Amino acid sequence: MARTSDHSIAHSLATSIGFRLSRLARLRRASWESELADLELAPGDAAVLRALGDGDGVGLR
């Protein structure tokens, strides 16, 4: 059985769509959390505000 070199594995990993999407998601999440921190909000706060904004006519009871 032929062994794949570490360089070849790293190259395959770096060019795979799954790896790229995962990296993009991590970078976007970090950016989003930074933007929320500037507004003194936590991700949970943003989720509540989004739910309230999406739920037109939702009462507090």
N, C-alpha and C. Protein backbone atom coordinates (compact mmCIF):
# COMPACT_ATOMS: atom_id res chain seq x y z
N MET A 1 0.85 -1.18 0.00
CA MET A 1 0.00 0.00 0.00
C MET A 1 0.90 1.24 0.00
N ALA A 2 0.68 2.11 -0.94
CA ALA A 2 1.49 3.33 -1.05
C ALA A 2 1.10 4.33 0.03
N ARG A 3 2.10 4.99 0.58
CA ARG A 3 1.85 6.02 1.60
C ARG A 3 1.76 7.37 0.93
N THR A 4 0.79 8.14 1.34
CA THR A 4 0.65 9.49 0.81
C THR A 4 1.50 10.42 1.66
N SER A 5 2.21 11.32 1.02
CA SER A 5 3.08 12.24 1.76
C SER A 5 2.24 13.22 2.57
N ASP A 6 2.84 13.76 3.62
CA ASP A 6 2.16 14.76 4.45
C ASP A 6 1.77 15.98 3.62
N HIS A 7 2.65 16.36 2.69
CA HIS A 7 2.37 17.52 1.83
C HIS A 7 1.13 17.27 0.98
N SER A 8 1.04 16.07 0.43
CA SER A 8 -0.10 15.72 -0.41
C SER A 8 -1.40 15.73 0.39
N ILE A 9 -1.36 15.21 1.61
CA ILE A 9 -2.54 15.21 2.47
C ILE A 9 -2.94 16.63 2.82
N ALA A 10 -1.96 17.46 3.18
CA ALA A 10 -2.25 18.86 3.53
C ALA A 10 -2.84 19.58 2.33
N HIS A 11 -2.30 19.33 1.15
CA HIS A 11 -2.81 19.97 -0.07
C HIS A 11 -4.25 19.52 -0.34
N SER A 12 -4.52 18.23 -0.21
CA SER A 12 -5.87 17.71 -0.43
C SER A 12 -6.85 18.33 0.56
N LEU A 13 -6.42 18.45 1.80
CA LEU A 13 -7.27 19.02 2.84
C LEU A 13 -7.56 20.49 2.55
N ALA A 14 -6.53 21.24 2.21
CA ALA A 14 -6.68 22.68 1.97
C ALA A 14 -7.53 22.98 0.74
N THR A 15 -7.59 22.06 -0.19
CA THR A 15 -8.36 22.31 -1.41
C THR A 15 -9.74 21.67 -1.38
N SER A 16 -10.06 20.92 -0.34
CA SER A 16 -11.37 20.27 -0.29
C SER A 16 -12.46 21.29 0.06
N ILE A 17 -13.62 21.10 -0.52
CA ILE A 17 -14.72 22.04 -0.30
C ILE A 17 -15.19 22.01 1.15
N GLY A 18 -15.18 20.85 1.77
CA GLY A 18 -15.59 20.76 3.17
C GLY A 18 -14.68 21.55 4.09
N PHE A 19 -13.38 21.44 3.86
CA PHE A 19 -12.41 22.17 4.66
C PHE A 19 -12.59 23.67 4.47
N ARG A 20 -12.76 24.09 3.23
CA ARG A 20 -12.92 25.52 2.94
C ARG A 20 -14.20 26.07 3.56
N LEU A 21 -15.29 25.31 3.47
CA LEU A 21 -16.55 25.77 4.07
C LEU A 21 -16.44 25.86 5.58
N SER A 22 -15.78 24.89 6.18
CA SER A 22 -15.59 24.91 7.63
C SER A 22 -14.76 26.12 8.05
N ARG A 23 -13.71 26.38 7.31
CA ARG A 23 -12.85 27.54 7.62
C ARG A 23 -13.62 28.84 7.44
N LEU A 24 -14.39 28.94 6.37
CA LEU A 24 -15.20 30.13 6.13
C LEU A 24 -16.20 30.34 7.26
N ALA A 25 -16.84 29.27 7.72
CA ALA A 25 -17.81 29.37 8.81
C ALA A 25 -17.14 29.87 10.09
N ARG A 26 -15.95 29.35 10.40
CA ARG A 26 -15.22 29.81 11.60
C ARG A 26 -14.85 31.28 11.50
N LEU A 27 -14.37 31.69 10.33
CA LEU A 27 -13.99 33.10 10.15
C LEU A 27 -15.21 34.01 10.22
N ARG A 28 -16.31 33.59 9.62
CA ARG A 28 -17.52 34.42 9.63
C ARG A 28 -18.09 34.52 11.04
N ARG A 29 -18.05 33.42 11.77
CA ARG A 29 -18.55 33.45 13.15
C ARG A 29 -17.72 34.40 14.01
N ALA A 30 -16.41 34.35 13.86
CA ALA A 30 -15.53 35.25 14.62
C ALA A 30 -15.81 36.71 14.26
N SER A 31 -16.02 36.98 12.99
CA SER A 31 -16.33 38.33 12.53
C SER A 31 -17.66 38.80 13.10
N TRP A 32 -18.66 37.92 13.05
CA TRP A 32 -20.00 38.23 13.55
C TRP A 32 -19.96 38.50 15.06
N GLU A 33 -19.23 37.67 15.80
CA GLU A 33 -19.12 37.87 17.25
C GLU A 33 -18.42 39.19 17.57
N SER A 34 -17.45 39.57 16.76
CA SER A 34 -16.77 40.85 16.95
C SER A 34 -17.72 42.02 16.71
N GLU A 35 -18.53 41.92 15.65
CA GLU A 35 -19.51 42.97 15.36
C GLU A 35 -20.53 43.08 16.50
N LEU A 36 -20.97 41.95 17.03
CA LEU A 36 -21.92 41.96 18.15
C LEU A 36 -21.28 42.57 19.39
N ALA A 37 -20.01 42.25 19.64
CA ALA A 37 -19.32 42.78 20.82
C ALA A 37 -19.25 44.30 20.75
N ASP A 38 -19.07 44.85 19.54
CA ASP A 38 -19.06 46.30 19.37
C ASP A 38 -20.38 46.92 19.80
N LEU A 39 -21.46 46.15 19.68
CA LEU A 39 -22.79 46.62 20.08
C LEU A 39 -23.15 46.19 21.51
N GLU A 40 -22.17 45.58 22.18
CA GLU A 40 -22.35 45.05 23.54
C GLU A 40 -23.46 44.00 23.58
N LEU A 41 -23.48 43.14 22.56
CA LEU A 41 -24.44 42.04 22.49
C LEU A 41 -23.69 40.72 22.44
N ALA A 42 -24.31 39.69 23.01
CA ALA A 42 -23.80 38.33 22.91
C ALA A 42 -24.58 37.63 21.79
N PRO A 43 -24.06 36.53 21.25
CA PRO A 43 -24.79 35.82 20.21
C PRO A 43 -26.22 35.44 20.62
N GLY A 44 -26.41 35.09 21.87
CA GLY A 44 -27.76 34.76 22.35
C GLY A 44 -28.69 35.96 22.30
N ASP A 45 -28.16 37.13 22.62
CA ASP A 45 -28.96 38.37 22.53
C ASP A 45 -29.41 38.61 21.09
N ALA A 46 -28.50 38.41 20.16
CA ALA A 46 -28.82 38.62 18.75
C ALA A 46 -29.89 37.64 18.29
N ALA A 47 -29.84 36.41 18.78
CA ALA A 47 -30.85 35.41 18.41
C ALA A 47 -32.23 35.83 18.91
N VAL A 48 -32.29 36.35 20.12
CA VAL A 48 -33.58 36.81 20.67
C VAL A 48 -34.10 37.99 19.86
N LEU A 49 -33.23 38.95 19.55
CA LEU A 49 -33.65 40.10 18.75
C LEU A 49 -34.12 39.68 17.36
N ARG A 50 -33.44 38.69 16.77
CA ARG A 50 -33.85 38.19 15.46
C ARG A 50 -35.22 37.54 15.54
N ALA A 51 -35.45 36.73 16.57
CA ALA A 51 -36.75 36.07 16.74
C ALA A 51 -37.85 37.10 16.94
N LEU A 52 -37.58 38.13 17.72
CA LEU A 52 -38.58 39.17 17.93
C LEU A 52 -38.85 39.93 16.64
N GLY A 53 -37.82 40.18 15.87
CA GLY A 53 -38.00 40.89 14.60
C GLY A 53 -38.74 40.06 13.57
N ASP A 54 -38.52 38.75 13.57
CA ASP A 54 -39.18 37.86 12.61
C ASP A 54 -40.62 37.56 13.00
N GLY A 55 -40.94 37.67 14.29
CA GLY A 55 -42.26 37.29 14.77
C GLY A 55 -43.19 38.47 14.89
N ASP A 56 -43.52 39.08 13.78
CA ASP A 56 -44.43 40.23 13.78
C ASP A 56 -45.73 39.88 14.49
N GLY A 57 -46.08 40.67 15.47
CA GLY A 57 -47.33 40.46 16.19
C GLY A 57 -47.24 39.48 17.35
N VAL A 58 -46.06 39.02 17.69
CA VAL A 58 -45.89 38.08 18.80
C VAL A 58 -45.96 38.86 20.10
N GLY A 59 -46.82 38.42 21.01
CA GLY A 59 -46.96 39.07 22.29
C GLY A 59 -45.93 38.60 23.29
N LEU A 60 -45.86 39.28 24.41
CA LEU A 60 -44.90 38.91 25.45
C LEU A 60 -45.43 37.83 26.38
N ARG A 61 -46.68 37.51 26.29
CA ARG A 61 -47.26 36.49 27.18
C ARG A 61 -47.32 35.16 26.54
